[in-house]
N, C-alpha and C. Protein backbone atom coordinates (compact mmCIF):
# COMPACT_ATOMS: atom_id res chain seq x y z
N UNK A 1 -35.64 -64.23 2.27
CA UNK A 1 -35.32 -62.94 1.68
C UNK A 1 -36.51 -62.49 0.82
N UNK A 2 -36.88 -61.24 0.98
CA UNK A 2 -37.99 -60.67 0.21
C UNK A 2 -37.41 -59.87 -0.95
N UNK A 3 -37.92 -60.11 -2.15
CA UNK A 3 -37.42 -59.43 -3.34
C UNK A 3 -38.38 -58.30 -3.72
N UNK A 4 -37.84 -57.07 -3.78
CA UNK A 4 -38.68 -55.91 -4.12
C UNK A 4 -37.82 -54.86 -4.82
N UNK A 5 -37.75 -54.92 -6.14
CA UNK A 5 -36.94 -53.98 -6.91
C UNK A 5 -37.53 -52.57 -6.90
N UNK A 6 -36.64 -51.58 -6.95
CA UNK A 6 -37.08 -50.20 -7.15
C UNK A 6 -37.42 -49.97 -8.62
N UNK A 7 -36.91 -50.80 -9.49
CA UNK A 7 -37.07 -50.79 -10.95
C UNK A 7 -36.14 -49.80 -11.65
N UNK A 8 -36.14 -48.54 -11.23
CA UNK A 8 -35.31 -47.51 -11.85
C UNK A 8 -35.18 -46.35 -10.86
N UNK A 9 -34.68 -45.24 -11.31
CA UNK A 9 -34.55 -44.07 -10.44
C UNK A 9 -35.91 -43.41 -10.23
N UNK A 10 -36.00 -42.61 -9.18
CA UNK A 10 -37.24 -41.88 -8.92
C UNK A 10 -37.60 -40.95 -10.08
N UNK A 11 -36.58 -40.30 -10.67
CA UNK A 11 -36.86 -39.34 -11.75
C UNK A 11 -37.33 -40.01 -13.04
N UNK A 12 -36.98 -41.28 -13.25
CA UNK A 12 -37.38 -41.98 -14.47
C UNK A 12 -38.60 -42.88 -14.25
N UNK A 13 -38.92 -43.18 -13.01
CA UNK A 13 -39.99 -44.11 -12.67
C UNK A 13 -41.32 -43.82 -13.37
N UNK A 14 -41.77 -42.55 -13.44
CA UNK A 14 -43.06 -42.29 -14.11
C UNK A 14 -43.09 -42.69 -15.59
N UNK A 15 -41.91 -42.81 -16.22
CA UNK A 15 -41.86 -43.26 -17.62
C UNK A 15 -42.08 -44.77 -17.73
N UNK A 16 -41.89 -45.47 -16.63
CA UNK A 16 -41.93 -46.93 -16.63
C UNK A 16 -43.19 -47.48 -15.97
N UNK A 17 -43.66 -46.81 -14.93
CA UNK A 17 -44.79 -47.33 -14.17
C UNK A 17 -45.81 -46.23 -13.90
N UNK A 18 -47.07 -46.54 -14.17
CA UNK A 18 -48.14 -45.56 -13.93
C UNK A 18 -49.17 -46.06 -12.92
N UNK A 19 -49.01 -47.28 -12.41
CA UNK A 19 -50.01 -47.85 -11.50
C UNK A 19 -49.77 -47.51 -10.04
N UNK A 20 -48.55 -47.12 -9.70
CA UNK A 20 -48.23 -46.74 -8.33
C UNK A 20 -47.01 -45.82 -8.35
N UNK A 21 -46.72 -45.23 -7.22
CA UNK A 21 -45.63 -44.25 -7.16
C UNK A 21 -44.32 -44.88 -6.69
N UNK A 22 -43.26 -44.14 -6.93
CA UNK A 22 -41.95 -44.56 -6.45
C UNK A 22 -41.96 -44.62 -4.92
N UNK A 23 -42.64 -43.67 -4.31
CA UNK A 23 -42.74 -43.65 -2.84
C UNK A 23 -43.40 -44.92 -2.34
N UNK A 24 -44.37 -45.46 -3.09
CA UNK A 24 -44.99 -46.74 -2.71
C UNK A 24 -43.95 -47.84 -2.67
N UNK A 25 -43.03 -47.85 -3.64
CA UNK A 25 -41.98 -48.87 -3.68
C UNK A 25 -41.08 -48.74 -2.46
N UNK A 26 -40.71 -47.50 -2.15
CA UNK A 26 -39.85 -47.25 -0.98
C UNK A 26 -40.58 -47.66 0.30
N UNK A 27 -41.85 -47.29 0.42
CA UNK A 27 -42.62 -47.63 1.63
C UNK A 27 -42.74 -49.14 1.82
N UNK A 28 -42.96 -49.88 0.74
CA UNK A 28 -43.05 -51.34 0.83
C UNK A 28 -41.73 -51.92 1.30
N UNK A 29 -40.65 -51.42 0.73
CA UNK A 29 -39.33 -51.89 1.12
C UNK A 29 -39.06 -51.61 2.59
N UNK A 30 -39.39 -50.41 3.04
CA UNK A 30 -39.17 -50.04 4.44
C UNK A 30 -40.06 -50.86 5.38
N UNK A 31 -41.28 -51.18 4.98
CA UNK A 31 -42.17 -52.00 5.80
C UNK A 31 -41.58 -53.40 5.97
N UNK A 32 -41.04 -53.95 4.91
CA UNK A 32 -40.41 -55.27 4.99
C UNK A 32 -39.20 -55.23 5.92
N UNK A 33 -38.41 -54.20 5.78
CA UNK A 33 -37.23 -54.06 6.62
C UNK A 33 -37.64 -53.91 8.09
N UNK A 34 -38.71 -53.17 8.35
CA UNK A 34 -39.21 -52.99 9.72
C UNK A 34 -39.70 -54.31 10.31
N UNK A 35 -40.14 -55.22 9.44
CA UNK A 35 -40.59 -56.54 9.88
C UNK A 35 -39.43 -57.53 9.97
N UNK A 36 -38.21 -57.00 9.92
CA UNK A 36 -36.98 -57.79 10.02
C UNK A 36 -36.78 -58.77 8.87
N UNK A 37 -37.35 -58.45 7.72
CA UNK A 37 -37.10 -59.25 6.52
C UNK A 37 -35.86 -58.71 5.82
N UNK A 38 -35.01 -59.61 5.37
CA UNK A 38 -33.88 -59.18 4.54
C UNK A 38 -34.46 -58.89 3.16
N UNK A 39 -34.15 -57.71 2.62
CA UNK A 39 -34.76 -57.30 1.35
C UNK A 39 -33.70 -57.22 0.25
N UNK A 40 -34.01 -57.87 -0.85
CA UNK A 40 -33.20 -57.81 -2.06
C UNK A 40 -33.87 -56.76 -2.96
N UNK A 41 -33.13 -55.72 -3.32
CA UNK A 41 -33.76 -54.63 -4.06
C UNK A 41 -32.76 -53.99 -5.02
N UNK A 42 -33.08 -54.03 -6.30
CA UNK A 42 -32.24 -53.42 -7.31
C UNK A 42 -33.11 -52.81 -8.38
N UNK A 43 -32.77 -53.09 -9.63
CA UNK A 43 -33.56 -52.52 -10.71
C UNK A 43 -33.16 -53.06 -12.06
N UNK A 44 -33.67 -52.39 -13.07
CA UNK A 44 -33.42 -52.76 -14.47
C UNK A 44 -32.70 -51.59 -15.12
N UNK A 45 -31.62 -51.88 -15.81
CA UNK A 45 -30.95 -50.83 -16.57
C UNK A 45 -31.24 -51.04 -18.06
N UNK A 46 -31.11 -49.99 -18.83
CA UNK A 46 -31.34 -50.01 -20.27
C UNK A 46 -32.81 -49.82 -20.62
N UNK A 47 -33.54 -49.14 -19.74
CA UNK A 47 -34.95 -48.84 -19.99
C UNK A 47 -35.14 -47.58 -20.81
N UNK A 48 -34.02 -46.88 -21.08
CA UNK A 48 -34.08 -45.58 -21.75
C UNK A 48 -33.62 -44.47 -20.83
N UNK A 49 -33.22 -44.85 -19.62
CA UNK A 49 -32.74 -43.89 -18.63
C UNK A 49 -31.34 -43.41 -18.99
N UNK A 50 -30.93 -42.32 -18.38
CA UNK A 50 -29.57 -41.79 -18.58
C UNK A 50 -28.63 -42.41 -17.55
N UNK A 51 -27.34 -42.23 -17.78
CA UNK A 51 -26.36 -42.68 -16.79
C UNK A 51 -26.62 -41.97 -15.46
N UNK A 52 -26.96 -40.70 -15.51
CA UNK A 52 -27.27 -39.96 -14.29
C UNK A 52 -28.41 -40.59 -13.51
N UNK A 53 -29.41 -41.08 -14.22
CA UNK A 53 -30.54 -41.73 -13.55
C UNK A 53 -30.15 -43.09 -12.99
N UNK A 54 -29.23 -43.78 -13.65
CA UNK A 54 -28.72 -45.04 -13.08
C UNK A 54 -27.96 -44.76 -11.78
N UNK A 55 -27.18 -43.68 -11.79
CA UNK A 55 -26.46 -43.29 -10.57
C UNK A 55 -27.44 -42.89 -9.47
N UNK A 56 -28.49 -42.18 -9.85
CA UNK A 56 -29.52 -41.80 -8.88
C UNK A 56 -30.08 -43.03 -8.18
N UNK A 57 -30.37 -44.09 -8.95
CA UNK A 57 -30.88 -45.33 -8.36
C UNK A 57 -29.84 -45.93 -7.42
N UNK A 58 -28.58 -45.95 -7.83
CA UNK A 58 -27.52 -46.52 -6.98
C UNK A 58 -27.42 -45.77 -5.66
N UNK A 59 -27.46 -44.45 -5.70
CA UNK A 59 -27.38 -43.67 -4.46
C UNK A 59 -28.62 -43.88 -3.59
N UNK A 60 -29.78 -44.06 -4.20
CA UNK A 60 -30.99 -44.37 -3.42
C UNK A 60 -30.82 -45.71 -2.72
N UNK A 61 -30.31 -46.71 -3.43
CA UNK A 61 -30.07 -48.02 -2.83
C UNK A 61 -29.09 -47.91 -1.66
N UNK A 62 -28.08 -47.07 -1.82
CA UNK A 62 -27.12 -46.86 -0.73
C UNK A 62 -27.80 -46.21 0.47
N UNK A 63 -28.60 -45.18 0.22
CA UNK A 63 -29.32 -44.50 1.31
C UNK A 63 -30.23 -45.48 2.06
N UNK A 64 -30.82 -46.42 1.33
CA UNK A 64 -31.72 -47.41 1.93
C UNK A 64 -30.95 -48.56 2.59
N UNK A 65 -29.62 -48.55 2.47
CA UNK A 65 -28.76 -49.58 3.05
C UNK A 65 -29.09 -50.99 2.51
N UNK A 66 -29.36 -51.05 1.22
CA UNK A 66 -29.65 -52.33 0.58
C UNK A 66 -28.37 -53.14 0.49
N UNK A 67 -28.43 -54.40 0.91
CA UNK A 67 -27.26 -55.26 0.90
C UNK A 67 -27.26 -56.29 -0.23
N UNK A 68 -28.38 -56.44 -0.90
CA UNK A 68 -28.48 -57.39 -2.01
C UNK A 68 -29.14 -56.67 -3.19
N UNK A 69 -28.34 -56.44 -4.25
CA UNK A 69 -28.78 -55.59 -5.36
C UNK A 69 -28.73 -56.36 -6.68
N UNK A 70 -29.88 -56.88 -7.15
CA UNK A 70 -29.88 -57.49 -8.47
C UNK A 70 -29.81 -56.42 -9.55
N UNK A 71 -28.94 -56.64 -10.51
CA UNK A 71 -28.84 -55.74 -11.66
C UNK A 71 -29.39 -56.49 -12.87
N UNK A 72 -30.59 -56.10 -13.25
CA UNK A 72 -31.25 -56.65 -14.43
C UNK A 72 -30.94 -55.75 -15.62
N UNK A 73 -30.88 -56.34 -16.78
CA UNK A 73 -30.66 -55.59 -18.02
C UNK A 73 -31.88 -55.85 -18.90
N UNK A 74 -32.47 -54.79 -19.41
CA UNK A 74 -33.67 -54.95 -20.23
C UNK A 74 -33.44 -55.97 -21.34
N UNK A 75 -34.38 -56.86 -21.47
CA UNK A 75 -34.42 -57.81 -22.57
C UNK A 75 -35.74 -57.51 -23.30
N UNK A 76 -35.70 -56.67 -24.34
CA UNK A 76 -36.94 -56.26 -25.00
C UNK A 76 -37.72 -57.46 -25.54
N UNK A 77 -38.99 -57.53 -25.15
CA UNK A 77 -39.85 -58.64 -25.55
C UNK A 77 -40.93 -58.12 -26.50
N UNK A 78 -41.07 -58.80 -27.63
CA UNK A 78 -42.08 -58.41 -28.62
C UNK A 78 -43.46 -58.39 -27.97
N UNK A 79 -44.21 -57.35 -28.28
CA UNK A 79 -45.56 -57.20 -27.74
C UNK A 79 -45.63 -56.41 -26.45
N UNK A 80 -44.47 -56.00 -25.92
CA UNK A 80 -44.45 -55.18 -24.71
C UNK A 80 -44.17 -53.73 -25.08
N UNK A 81 -44.42 -52.83 -24.16
CA UNK A 81 -44.21 -51.40 -24.39
C UNK A 81 -42.75 -51.10 -24.76
N UNK A 82 -41.83 -51.87 -24.22
CA UNK A 82 -40.40 -51.61 -24.46
C UNK A 82 -39.80 -52.51 -25.54
N UNK A 83 -40.63 -53.11 -26.38
CA UNK A 83 -40.12 -54.04 -27.39
C UNK A 83 -39.11 -53.40 -28.34
N UNK A 84 -39.21 -52.09 -28.58
CA UNK A 84 -38.30 -51.41 -29.51
C UNK A 84 -37.19 -50.63 -28.80
N UNK A 85 -37.10 -50.77 -27.49
CA UNK A 85 -36.07 -50.06 -26.73
C UNK A 85 -34.70 -50.69 -27.03
N UNK A 86 -33.75 -49.88 -27.41
CA UNK A 86 -32.39 -50.37 -27.66
C UNK A 86 -31.72 -50.71 -26.33
N UNK A 87 -30.99 -51.81 -26.33
CA UNK A 87 -30.23 -52.20 -25.15
C UNK A 87 -28.91 -51.45 -25.16
N UNK A 88 -28.47 -51.02 -23.98
CA UNK A 88 -27.20 -50.31 -23.87
C UNK A 88 -26.06 -51.14 -24.45
N UNK A 89 -25.01 -50.50 -24.94
CA UNK A 89 -23.83 -51.25 -25.37
C UNK A 89 -23.25 -52.03 -24.18
N UNK A 90 -22.70 -53.19 -24.45
CA UNK A 90 -22.17 -54.05 -23.39
C UNK A 90 -21.15 -53.33 -22.51
N UNK A 91 -20.28 -52.53 -23.11
CA UNK A 91 -19.27 -51.84 -22.30
C UNK A 91 -19.89 -50.80 -21.38
N UNK A 92 -20.99 -50.19 -21.78
CA UNK A 92 -21.67 -49.24 -20.89
C UNK A 92 -22.36 -49.98 -19.73
N UNK A 93 -22.86 -51.16 -20.00
CA UNK A 93 -23.42 -51.98 -18.92
C UNK A 93 -22.33 -52.32 -17.92
N UNK A 94 -21.17 -52.74 -18.41
CA UNK A 94 -20.05 -53.07 -17.52
C UNK A 94 -19.59 -51.84 -16.73
N UNK A 95 -19.57 -50.69 -17.38
CA UNK A 95 -19.20 -49.45 -16.71
C UNK A 95 -20.20 -49.15 -15.58
N UNK A 96 -21.47 -49.35 -15.84
CA UNK A 96 -22.50 -49.13 -14.82
C UNK A 96 -22.28 -50.05 -13.63
N UNK A 97 -21.98 -51.31 -13.89
CA UNK A 97 -21.72 -52.26 -12.81
C UNK A 97 -20.52 -51.79 -11.98
N UNK A 98 -19.46 -51.36 -12.64
CA UNK A 98 -18.26 -50.90 -11.92
C UNK A 98 -18.57 -49.69 -11.04
N UNK A 99 -19.36 -48.77 -11.55
CA UNK A 99 -19.73 -47.59 -10.76
C UNK A 99 -20.60 -48.00 -9.58
N UNK A 100 -21.53 -48.93 -9.78
CA UNK A 100 -22.35 -49.42 -8.67
C UNK A 100 -21.46 -50.04 -7.59
N UNK A 101 -20.42 -50.75 -7.99
CA UNK A 101 -19.52 -51.36 -7.01
C UNK A 101 -18.89 -50.29 -6.12
N UNK A 102 -18.49 -49.16 -6.70
CA UNK A 102 -17.91 -48.07 -5.90
C UNK A 102 -18.96 -47.44 -4.98
N UNK A 103 -20.16 -47.27 -5.47
CA UNK A 103 -21.22 -46.63 -4.68
C UNK A 103 -21.74 -47.57 -3.60
N UNK A 104 -21.75 -48.87 -3.88
CA UNK A 104 -22.30 -49.88 -2.97
C UNK A 104 -21.22 -50.92 -2.63
N UNK A 105 -20.14 -50.51 -1.96
CA UNK A 105 -19.00 -51.41 -1.77
C UNK A 105 -19.29 -52.66 -0.95
N UNK A 106 -20.26 -52.61 -0.06
CA UNK A 106 -20.56 -53.76 0.81
C UNK A 106 -21.68 -54.64 0.27
N UNK A 107 -22.38 -54.19 -0.75
CA UNK A 107 -23.55 -54.92 -1.25
C UNK A 107 -23.15 -56.13 -2.09
N UNK A 108 -24.05 -57.11 -2.10
CA UNK A 108 -23.94 -58.19 -3.07
C UNK A 108 -24.57 -57.66 -4.35
N UNK A 109 -23.76 -57.41 -5.36
CA UNK A 109 -24.27 -57.02 -6.67
C UNK A 109 -24.54 -58.30 -7.44
N UNK A 110 -25.79 -58.54 -7.75
CA UNK A 110 -26.20 -59.81 -8.35
C UNK A 110 -26.49 -59.67 -9.84
N UNK A 111 -25.79 -60.48 -10.63
CA UNK A 111 -26.16 -60.62 -12.04
C UNK A 111 -27.59 -61.16 -12.06
N UNK A 112 -28.45 -60.59 -12.86
CA UNK A 112 -29.83 -61.05 -12.91
C UNK A 112 -30.30 -61.11 -14.37
N UNK A 113 -31.59 -60.99 -14.58
CA UNK A 113 -32.18 -61.15 -15.91
C UNK A 113 -31.62 -60.20 -16.95
N UNK A 114 -31.55 -60.69 -18.17
CA UNK A 114 -31.12 -59.88 -19.31
C UNK A 114 -29.64 -59.87 -19.57
N UNK A 115 -28.85 -60.45 -18.69
CA UNK A 115 -27.39 -60.41 -18.87
C UNK A 115 -26.95 -61.17 -20.12
N UNK A 116 -27.67 -62.23 -20.43
CA UNK A 116 -27.32 -63.02 -21.62
C UNK A 116 -27.49 -62.20 -22.89
N UNK A 117 -28.56 -61.43 -22.96
CA UNK A 117 -28.85 -60.60 -24.12
C UNK A 117 -28.01 -59.32 -24.12
N UNK A 118 -27.86 -58.71 -22.97
CA UNK A 118 -27.16 -57.43 -22.88
C UNK A 118 -25.65 -57.52 -22.98
N UNK A 119 -25.09 -58.58 -22.40
CA UNK A 119 -23.62 -58.70 -22.38
C UNK A 119 -23.08 -59.76 -23.33
N UNK A 120 -23.95 -60.65 -23.76
CA UNK A 120 -23.54 -61.70 -24.69
C UNK A 120 -22.24 -62.37 -24.23
N UNK A 121 -21.20 -62.35 -25.06
CA UNK A 121 -19.94 -63.02 -24.75
C UNK A 121 -19.11 -62.31 -23.68
N UNK A 122 -19.55 -61.15 -23.24
CA UNK A 122 -18.79 -60.39 -22.23
C UNK A 122 -19.33 -60.59 -20.82
N UNK A 123 -20.22 -61.55 -20.62
CA UNK A 123 -20.79 -61.76 -19.29
C UNK A 123 -19.74 -61.94 -18.21
N UNK A 124 -18.71 -62.72 -18.49
CA UNK A 124 -17.69 -63.00 -17.48
C UNK A 124 -17.02 -61.73 -16.98
N UNK A 125 -16.94 -60.70 -17.83
CA UNK A 125 -16.32 -59.44 -17.41
C UNK A 125 -17.12 -58.73 -16.33
N UNK A 126 -18.38 -59.10 -16.17
CA UNK A 126 -19.20 -58.53 -15.10
C UNK A 126 -18.59 -58.79 -13.73
N UNK A 127 -17.93 -59.94 -13.57
CA UNK A 127 -17.29 -60.25 -12.29
C UNK A 127 -16.09 -59.34 -12.04
N UNK A 128 -15.37 -59.02 -13.10
CA UNK A 128 -14.25 -58.08 -12.96
C UNK A 128 -14.75 -56.67 -12.70
N UNK A 129 -15.93 -56.34 -13.20
CA UNK A 129 -16.50 -55.01 -13.02
C UNK A 129 -17.08 -54.82 -11.61
N UNK A 130 -17.42 -55.93 -10.93
CA UNK A 130 -17.93 -55.78 -9.57
C UNK A 130 -19.05 -56.71 -9.15
N UNK A 131 -19.54 -57.53 -10.05
CA UNK A 131 -20.57 -58.50 -9.68
C UNK A 131 -19.95 -59.52 -8.73
N UNK A 132 -20.67 -59.84 -7.65
CA UNK A 132 -20.16 -60.87 -6.74
C UNK A 132 -21.24 -61.86 -6.30
N UNK A 133 -22.32 -61.93 -7.06
CA UNK A 133 -23.38 -62.92 -6.84
C UNK A 133 -24.14 -63.06 -8.16
N UNK A 134 -24.80 -64.19 -8.34
CA UNK A 134 -25.47 -64.45 -9.61
C UNK A 134 -26.80 -65.16 -9.38
N UNK A 135 -27.84 -64.69 -10.04
CA UNK A 135 -29.09 -65.43 -10.10
C UNK A 135 -28.98 -66.34 -11.32
N UNK A 136 -29.25 -67.62 -11.13
CA UNK A 136 -29.04 -68.58 -12.21
C UNK A 136 -30.36 -69.19 -12.67
N UNK A 137 -30.31 -69.78 -13.86
CA UNK A 137 -31.49 -70.43 -14.42
C UNK A 137 -32.38 -69.44 -15.13
N UNK A 138 -33.66 -69.75 -15.18
CA UNK A 138 -34.62 -68.88 -15.87
C UNK A 138 -35.13 -67.80 -14.92
N UNK A 139 -35.64 -66.72 -15.52
CA UNK A 139 -36.14 -65.58 -14.77
C UNK A 139 -37.66 -65.54 -14.87
N UNK A 140 -38.26 -64.43 -14.48
CA UNK A 140 -39.72 -64.35 -14.46
C UNK A 140 -40.34 -64.57 -15.84
N UNK A 141 -39.79 -63.93 -16.87
CA UNK A 141 -40.42 -64.01 -18.19
C UNK A 141 -39.48 -64.49 -19.29
N UNK A 142 -38.23 -64.74 -18.97
CA UNK A 142 -37.27 -65.17 -19.99
C UNK A 142 -36.41 -66.32 -19.47
N UNK A 143 -35.82 -67.03 -20.40
CA UNK A 143 -34.91 -68.12 -20.05
C UNK A 143 -33.52 -67.57 -19.84
N UNK A 144 -32.80 -68.19 -18.93
CA UNK A 144 -31.41 -67.84 -18.71
C UNK A 144 -30.51 -68.97 -19.16
N UNK A 145 -29.25 -68.84 -18.82
CA UNK A 145 -28.30 -69.92 -19.12
C UNK A 145 -28.55 -71.07 -18.14
N UNK A 146 -27.97 -72.21 -18.45
CA UNK A 146 -28.10 -73.33 -17.52
C UNK A 146 -27.23 -73.05 -16.29
N UNK A 147 -27.58 -73.69 -15.20
CA UNK A 147 -26.80 -73.56 -13.97
C UNK A 147 -25.36 -74.03 -14.24
N UNK A 148 -25.22 -75.12 -14.98
CA UNK A 148 -23.88 -75.65 -15.28
C UNK A 148 -23.04 -74.64 -16.06
N UNK A 149 -23.65 -73.93 -17.01
CA UNK A 149 -22.91 -72.91 -17.77
C UNK A 149 -22.45 -71.77 -16.87
N UNK A 150 -23.32 -71.33 -15.97
CA UNK A 150 -22.94 -70.24 -15.06
C UNK A 150 -21.85 -70.69 -14.09
N UNK A 151 -21.96 -71.89 -13.57
CA UNK A 151 -20.92 -72.40 -12.67
C UNK A 151 -19.59 -72.47 -13.40
N UNK A 152 -19.60 -72.96 -14.64
CA UNK A 152 -18.35 -73.05 -15.40
C UNK A 152 -17.77 -71.67 -15.66
N UNK A 153 -18.61 -70.68 -15.95
CA UNK A 153 -18.12 -69.31 -16.16
C UNK A 153 -17.44 -68.79 -14.90
N UNK A 154 -18.03 -69.05 -13.75
CA UNK A 154 -17.45 -68.59 -12.48
C UNK A 154 -16.12 -69.29 -12.23
N UNK A 155 -16.07 -70.58 -12.47
CA UNK A 155 -14.82 -71.33 -12.32
C UNK A 155 -13.76 -70.81 -13.28
N UNK A 156 -14.15 -70.57 -14.54
CA UNK A 156 -13.22 -70.05 -15.54
C UNK A 156 -12.64 -68.70 -15.13
N UNK A 157 -13.39 -67.93 -14.38
CA UNK A 157 -12.91 -66.62 -13.90
C UNK A 157 -12.01 -66.77 -12.68
N UNK A 158 -11.84 -68.00 -12.20
CA UNK A 158 -11.00 -68.22 -11.03
C UNK A 158 -11.67 -67.82 -9.72
N UNK A 159 -12.99 -67.77 -9.75
CA UNK A 159 -13.74 -67.37 -8.56
C UNK A 159 -14.29 -68.59 -7.85
N UNK A 160 -14.66 -68.41 -6.60
CA UNK A 160 -15.19 -69.50 -5.78
C UNK A 160 -16.68 -69.65 -6.02
N UNK A 161 -17.10 -70.90 -6.20
CA UNK A 161 -18.52 -71.20 -6.39
C UNK A 161 -19.15 -71.45 -5.04
């Protein structure tokens, strides 16, 4: 599986990335799909985008027929451009997940980076909101929960591991 996030919506992308265009991201994803690679493609929420822009990204993912959608939540890191960006309230993150589930009913919505910081004690509610897959362990630049903790959370929710 090839991982290639859109990062955010097309309308918000220029606020986040200046080295390449949104169309470049779409073209890369389509090239991978043309090469018969299964592509995992989602984005990061809580970058400063609006709910409308989060929906825009979800509808783009649907148009692209993405079947594996990681939902990352910004984890502001000191020394980065977004270090002072406020993280969305946990209930708004859960609301976003629920809306993505309706827009992308067949996709694997994957809990990904930032969930520990963004949802704190409400992480398990992500499964009720529509998450049906989880990336476990550490991420690219931050540590995650242990695999054992995530497995226990899934078991506690009465879900199959």
